Structure formats: C-alpha cells, structure tokens
Amino acid sequence: MPERPGVRPDKPYITLTACHPKYAAQQRWIVHGELERAIPRSQGLPAGYLDLAGDR
C-alpha cells in the first residue's frame, strides 16, 4: 500500500512512475492513486477514450 509497506490494501491501487531524462534516475515521479476500473484489452478502447483521441 502506498506509504504503508506491509499493510494489505483494502481496495485496488495503481502506481505510476516516470523518469527524467528518459531511462535515468536524476529526477523521478512516483504517483499513487486508487484504481477506478480495469478494462481487458479484449474489450478494446472505451468509447469515451475514442472520442477524446480524435481531439489530439
């Protein structure tokens, strides 16, 4: 569990990491959040995501 090693989580969490410069450890972001949902790849991209992707 974020910030509490050894504690069993009571809900699903996700941890995202990013490094700068790429593949280096000079700067590192570590972000924790609650996982809202997981969508199997076999279901494809959610319709809402497809609508936003066209705006990029």
PDB file of N, CA and C in Angstrom:
ATOM      1  N   MET A   1       0.837  -1.162   0.000  1.00  0.00           N
ATOM      2  CA  MET A   1       0.000   0.000   0.000  1.00  0.00           C
ATOM      3  C   MET A   1       0.892   1.237   0.000  1.00  0.00           C
ATOM      4  N   PRO A   2       0.555   2.272  -0.761  1.00  0.00           N
ATOM      5  CA  PRO A   2       1.403   3.462  -0.803  1.00  0.00           C
ATOM      6  C   PRO A   2       1.651   4.037   0.593  1.00  0.00           C
ATOM      7  N   GLU A   3       2.903   4.332   0.847  1.00  0.00           N
ATOM      8  CA  GLU A   3       3.331   4.937   2.114  1.00  0.00           C
ATOM      9  C   GLU A   3       3.156   4.033   3.330  1.00  0.00           C
ATOM     10  N   ARG A   4       2.682   2.798   3.142  1.00  0.00           N
ATOM     11  CA  ARG A   4       2.479   1.888   4.272  1.00  0.00           C
ATOM     12  C   ARG A   4       2.893   0.472   3.879  1.00  0.00           C
ATOM     13  N   PRO A   5       4.195   0.226   3.726  1.00  0.00           N
ATOM     14  CA  PRO A   5       4.646  -1.107   3.329  1.00  0.00           C
ATOM     15  C   PRO A   5       4.199  -2.180   4.322  1.00  0.00           C
ATOM     16  N   GLY A   6       3.830  -3.320   3.786  1.00  0.00           N
ATOM     17  CA  GLY A   6       3.421  -4.434   4.620  1.00  0.00           C
ATOM     18  C   GLY A   6       1.939  -4.447   4.972  1.00  0.00           C
ATOM     19  N   VAL A   7       1.236  -3.341   4.713  1.00  0.00           N
ATOM     20  CA  VAL A   7      -0.198  -3.279   5.001  1.00  0.00           C
ATOM     21  C   VAL A   7      -0.952  -3.780   3.780  1.00  0.00           C
ATOM     22  N   ARG A   8      -1.856  -4.703   4.000  1.00  0.00           N
ATOM     23  CA  ARG A   8      -2.644  -5.258   2.891  1.00  0.00           C
ATOM     24  C   ARG A   8      -3.680  -4.225   2.436  1.00  0.00           C
ATOM     25  N   PRO A   9      -3.713  -3.905   1.131  1.00  0.00           N
ATOM     26  CA  PRO A   9      -4.670  -2.906   0.658  1.00  0.00           C
ATOM     27  C   PRO A   9      -6.116  -3.381   0.782  1.00  0.00           C
ATOM     28  N   ASP A  10      -7.004  -2.442   1.052  1.00  0.00           N
ATOM     29  CA  ASP A  10      -8.419  -2.767   1.169  1.00  0.00           C
ATOM     30  C   ASP A  10      -9.181  -2.463  -0.125  1.00  0.00           C
ATOM     31  N   LYS A  11      -8.495  -1.889  -1.122  1.00  0.00           N
ATOM     32  CA  LYS A  11      -9.072  -1.625  -2.441  1.00  0.00           C
ATOM     33  C   LYS A  11      -7.923  -1.579  -3.450  1.00  0.00           C
ATOM     34  N   PRO A  12      -8.215  -1.648  -4.751  1.00  0.00           N
ATOM     35  CA  PRO A  12      -7.138  -1.678  -5.742  1.00  0.00           C
ATOM     36  C   PRO A  12      -6.463  -0.306  -5.906  1.00  0.00           C
ATOM     37  N   TYR A  13      -5.146  -0.317  -5.941  1.00  0.00           N
ATOM     38  CA  TYR A  13      -4.356   0.895  -6.144  1.00  0.00           C
ATOM     39  C   TYR A  13      -3.523   0.743  -7.400  1.00  0.00           C
ATOM     40  N   ILE A  14      -3.041   1.874  -7.918  1.00  0.00           N
ATOM     41  CA  ILE A  14      -2.143   1.869  -9.060  1.00  0.00           C
ATOM     42  C   ILE A  14      -0.984   2.802  -8.735  1.00  0.00           C
ATOM     43  N   THR A  15       0.208   2.429  -9.180  1.00  0.00           N
ATOM     44  CA  THR A  15       1.391   3.258  -9.011  1.00  0.00           C
ATOM     45  C   THR A  15       1.971   3.538 -10.390  1.00  0.00           C
ATOM     46  N   LEU A  16       2.183   4.809 -10.686  1.00  0.00           N
ATOM     47  CA  LEU A  16       2.771   5.224 -11.948  1.00  0.00           C
ATOM     48  C   LEU A  16       4.131   5.844 -11.665  1.00  0.00           C
ATOM     49  N   THR A  17       5.120   5.534 -12.490  1.00  0.00           N
ATOM     50  CA  THR A  17       6.446   6.117 -12.318  1.00  0.00           C
ATOM     51  C   THR A  17       6.917   6.712 -13.634  1.00  0.00           C
ATOM     52  N   ALA A  18       7.715   7.763 -13.546  1.00  0.00           N
ATOM     53  CA  ALA A  18       8.311   8.386 -14.721  1.00  0.00           C
ATOM     54  C   ALA A  18       9.690   8.903 -14.343  1.00  0.00           C
ATOM     55  N   CYS A  19      10.620   8.820 -15.268  1.00  0.00           N
ATOM     56  CA  CYS A  19      11.989   9.275 -15.036  1.00  0.00           C
ATOM     57  C   CYS A  19      12.351  10.369 -16.031  1.00  0.00           C
ATOM     58  N   HIS A  20      13.208  11.299 -15.597  1.00  0.00           N
ATOM     59  CA  HIS A  20      13.712  12.347 -16.474  1.00  0.00           C
ATOM     60  C   HIS A  20      15.174  12.559 -16.170  1.00  0.00           C
ATOM     61  N   PRO A  21      16.042  12.578 -17.131  1.00  0.00           N
ATOM     62  CA  PRO A  21      15.785  12.232 -18.523  1.00  0.00           C
ATOM     63  C   PRO A  21      15.391  10.766 -18.668  1.00  0.00           C
ATOM     64  N   LYS A  22      14.847  10.449 -19.822  1.00  0.00           N
ATOM     65  CA  LYS A  22      14.347   9.103 -20.094  1.00  0.00           C
ATOM     66  C   LYS A  22      15.410   8.065 -19.734  1.00  0.00           C
ATOM     67  N   TYR A  23      14.996   7.027 -19.038  1.00  0.00           N
ATOM     68  CA  TYR A  23      15.839   5.898 -18.606  1.00  0.00           C
ATOM     69  C   TYR A  23      16.916   6.296 -17.602  1.00  0.00           C
ATOM     70  N   ALA A  24      16.789   7.425 -16.964  1.00  0.00           N
ATOM     71  CA  ALA A  24      17.758   7.852 -15.951  1.00  0.00           C
ATOM     72  C   ALA A  24      17.032   8.017 -14.615  1.00  0.00           C
ATOM     73  N   ALA A  25      17.794   8.200 -13.563  1.00  0.00           N
ATOM     74  CA  ALA A  25      17.185   8.343 -12.243  1.00  0.00           C
ATOM     75  C   ALA A  25      17.480   9.708 -11.632  1.00  0.00           C
ATOM     76  N   GLN A  26      17.863  10.680 -12.459  1.00  0.00           N
ATOM     77  CA  GLN A  26      18.170  12.005 -11.924  1.00  0.00           C
ATOM     78  C   GLN A  26      16.928  12.654 -11.328  1.00  0.00           C
ATOM     79  N   GLN A  27      15.808  12.524 -11.991  1.00  0.00           N
ATOM     80  CA  GLN A  27      14.538  13.020 -11.481  1.00  0.00           C
ATOM     81  C   GLN A  27      13.519  11.902 -11.648  1.00  0.00           C
ATOM     82  N   ARG A  28      12.721  11.687 -10.640  1.00  0.00           N
ATOM     83  CA  ARG A  28      11.744  10.600 -10.714  1.00  0.00           C
ATOM     84  C   ARG A  28      10.434  11.028 -10.075  1.00  0.00           C
ATOM     85  N   TRP A  29       9.335  10.759 -10.790  1.00  0.00           N
ATOM     86  CA  TRP A  29       7.990  10.982 -10.274  1.00  0.00           C
ATOM     87  C   TRP A  29       7.416   9.633  -9.901  1.00  0.00           C
ATOM     88  N   ILE A  30       6.823   9.544  -8.741  1.00  0.00           N
ATOM     89  CA  ILE A  30       6.098   8.346  -8.319  1.00  0.00           C
ATOM     90  C   ILE A  30       4.734   8.822  -7.848  1.00  0.00           C
ATOM     91  N   VAL A  31       3.694   8.353  -8.524  1.00  0.00           N
ATOM     92  CA  VAL A  31       2.336   8.802  -8.246  1.00  0.00           C
ATOM     93  C   VAL A  31       1.485   7.593  -7.873  1.00  0.00           C
ATOM     94  N   HIS A  32       0.763   7.701  -6.783  1.00  0.00           N
ATOM     95  CA  HIS A  32      -0.134   6.637  -6.332  1.00  0.00           C
ATOM     96  C   HIS A  32      -1.572   7.104  -6.503  1.00  0.00           C
ATOM     97  N   GLY A  33      -2.436   6.177  -6.833  1.00  0.00           N
ATOM     98  CA  GLY A  33      -3.848   6.516  -6.952  1.00  0.00           C
ATOM     99  C   GLY A  33      -4.712   5.288  -6.748  1.00  0.00           C
ATOM    100  N   GLU A  34      -5.992   5.513  -6.582  1.00  0.00           N
ATOM    101  CA  GLU A  34      -6.938   4.399  -6.493  1.00  0.00           C
ATOM    102  C   GLU A  34      -7.331   3.997  -7.908  1.00  0.00           C
ATOM    103  N   LEU A  35      -7.264   2.724  -8.181  1.00  0.00           N
ATOM    104  CA  LEU A  35      -7.648   2.219  -9.492  1.00  0.00           C
ATOM    105  C   LEU A  35      -9.162   2.239  -9.587  1.00  0.00           C
ATOM    106  N   GLU A  36      -9.685   3.046 -10.490  1.00  0.00           N
ATOM    107  CA  GLU A  36     -11.132   3.186 -10.636  1.00  0.00           C
ATOM    108  C   GLU A  36     -11.736   2.005 -11.385  1.00  0.00           C
ATOM    109  N   ARG A  37     -11.049   1.571 -12.441  1.00  0.00           N
ATOM    110  CA  ARG A  37     -11.530   0.422 -13.207  1.00  0.00           C
ATOM    111  C   ARG A  37     -10.398  -0.126 -14.054  1.00  0.00           C
ATOM    112  N   ALA A  38     -10.547  -1.354 -14.461  1.00  0.00           N
ATOM    113  CA  ALA A  38      -9.609  -2.011 -15.374  1.00  0.00           C
ATOM    114  C   ALA A  38     -10.434  -2.592 -16.510  1.00  0.00           C
ATOM    115  N   ILE A  39     -10.002  -2.362 -17.722  1.00  0.00           N
ATOM    116  CA  ILE A  39     -10.733  -2.835 -18.896  1.00  0.00           C
ATOM    117  C   ILE A  39      -9.845  -3.819 -19.650  1.00  0.00           C
ATOM    118  N   PRO A  40     -10.294  -5.059 -19.821  1.00  0.00           N
ATOM    119  CA  PRO A  40      -9.498  -6.042 -20.557  1.00  0.00           C
ATOM    120  C   PRO A  40      -9.241  -5.575 -21.991  1.00  0.00           C
ATOM    121  N   ARG A  41      -8.044  -5.835 -22.495  1.00  0.00           N
ATOM    122  CA  ARG A  41      -7.705  -5.465 -23.868  1.00  0.00           C
ATOM    123  C   ARG A  41      -8.684  -6.043 -24.870  1.00  0.00           C
ATOM    124  N   SER A  42      -9.198  -7.223 -24.568  1.00  0.00           N
ATOM    125  CA  SER A  42     -10.117  -7.882 -25.498  1.00  0.00           C
ATOM    126  C   SER A  42     -11.383  -7.057 -25.734  1.00  0.00           C
ATOM    127  N   GLN A  43     -11.697  -6.129 -24.826  1.00  0.00           N
ATOM    128  CA  GLN A  43     -12.885  -5.279 -24.985  1.00  0.00           C
ATOM    129  C   GLN A  43     -12.588  -4.038 -25.833  1.00  0.00           C
ATOM    130  N   GLY A  44     -11.323  -3.807 -26.146  1.00  0.00           N
ATOM    131  CA  GLY A  44     -10.964  -2.625 -26.932  1.00  0.00           C
ATOM    132  C   GLY A  44     -10.980  -1.364 -26.088  1.00  0.00           C
ATOM    133  N   LEU A  45     -10.751  -0.221 -26.741  1.00  0.00           N
ATOM    134  CA  LEU A  45     -10.737   1.053 -26.033  1.00  0.00           C
ATOM    135  C   LEU A  45     -12.160   1.488 -25.687  1.00  0.00           C
ATOM    136  N   PRO A  46     -12.351   2.115 -24.523  1.00  0.00           N
ATOM    137  CA  PRO A  46     -13.676   2.614 -24.157  1.00  0.00           C
ATOM    138  C   PRO A  46     -14.127   3.704 -25.126  1.00  0.00           C
ATOM    139  N   ALA A  47     -15.419   3.792 -25.381  1.00  0.00           N
ATOM    140  CA  ALA A  47     -15.956   4.776 -26.323  1.00  0.00           C
ATOM    141  C   ALA A  47     -15.559   6.200 -25.938  1.00  0.00           C
ATOM    142  N   GLY A  48     -15.588   6.534 -24.651  1.00  0.00           N
ATOM    143  CA  GLY A  48     -15.199   7.872 -24.215  1.00  0.00           C
ATOM    144  C   GLY A  48     -13.769   8.204 -24.575  1.00  0.00           C
ATOM    145  N   TYR A  49     -12.888   7.240 -24.499  1.00  0.00           N
ATOM    146  CA  TYR A  49     -11.493   7.462 -24.859  1.00  0.00           C
ATOM    147  C   TYR A  49     -11.381   7.700 -26.357  1.00  0.00           C
ATOM    148  N   LEU A  50     -12.116   6.961 -27.140  1.00  0.00           N
ATOM    149  CA  LEU A  50     -12.062   7.121 -28.596  1.00  0.00           C
ATOM    150  C   LEU A  50     -12.518   8.529 -28.991  1.00  0.00           C
ATOM    151  N   ASP A  51     -13.537   9.063 -28.304  1.00  0.00           N
ATOM    152  CA  ASP A  51     -13.989  10.415 -28.596  1.00  0.00           C
ATOM    153  C   ASP A  51     -12.898  11.443 -28.311  1.00  0.00           C
ATOM    154  N   LEU A  52     -12.184  11.284 -27.191  1.00  0.00           N
ATOM    155  CA  LEU A  52     -11.115  12.218 -26.829  1.00  0.00           C
ATOM    156  C   LEU A  52      -9.909  12.083 -27.742  1.00  0.00           C
ATOM    157  N   ALA A  53      -9.610  10.877 -28.198  1.00  0.00           N
ATOM    158  CA  ALA A  53      -8.430  10.635 -29.030  1.00  0.00           C
ATOM    159  C   ALA A  53      -8.510  11.434 -30.337  1.00  0.00           C
ATOM    160  N   GLY A  54      -9.699  11.661 -30.851  1.00  0.00           N
ATOM    161  CA  GLY A  54      -9.841  12.422 -32.087  1.00  0.00           C
ATOM    162  C   GLY A  54      -9.491  13.889 -31.928  1.00  0.00           C
ATOM    163  N   ASP A  55      -9.519  14.388 -30.688  1.00  0.00           N
ATOM    164  CA  ASP A  55      -9.207  15.802 -30.432  1.00  0.00           C
ATOM    165  C   ASP A  55      -7.718  16.088 -30.328  1.00  0.00           C
ATOM    166  N   ARG A  56      -6.904  15.072 -30.333  1.00  0.00           N
ATOM    167  CA  ARG A  56      -5.460  15.277 -30.133  1.00  0.00           C
ATOM    168  C   ARG A  56      -4.771  15.716 -31.385  1.00  0.00           C
TER     169      ARG A  56
END
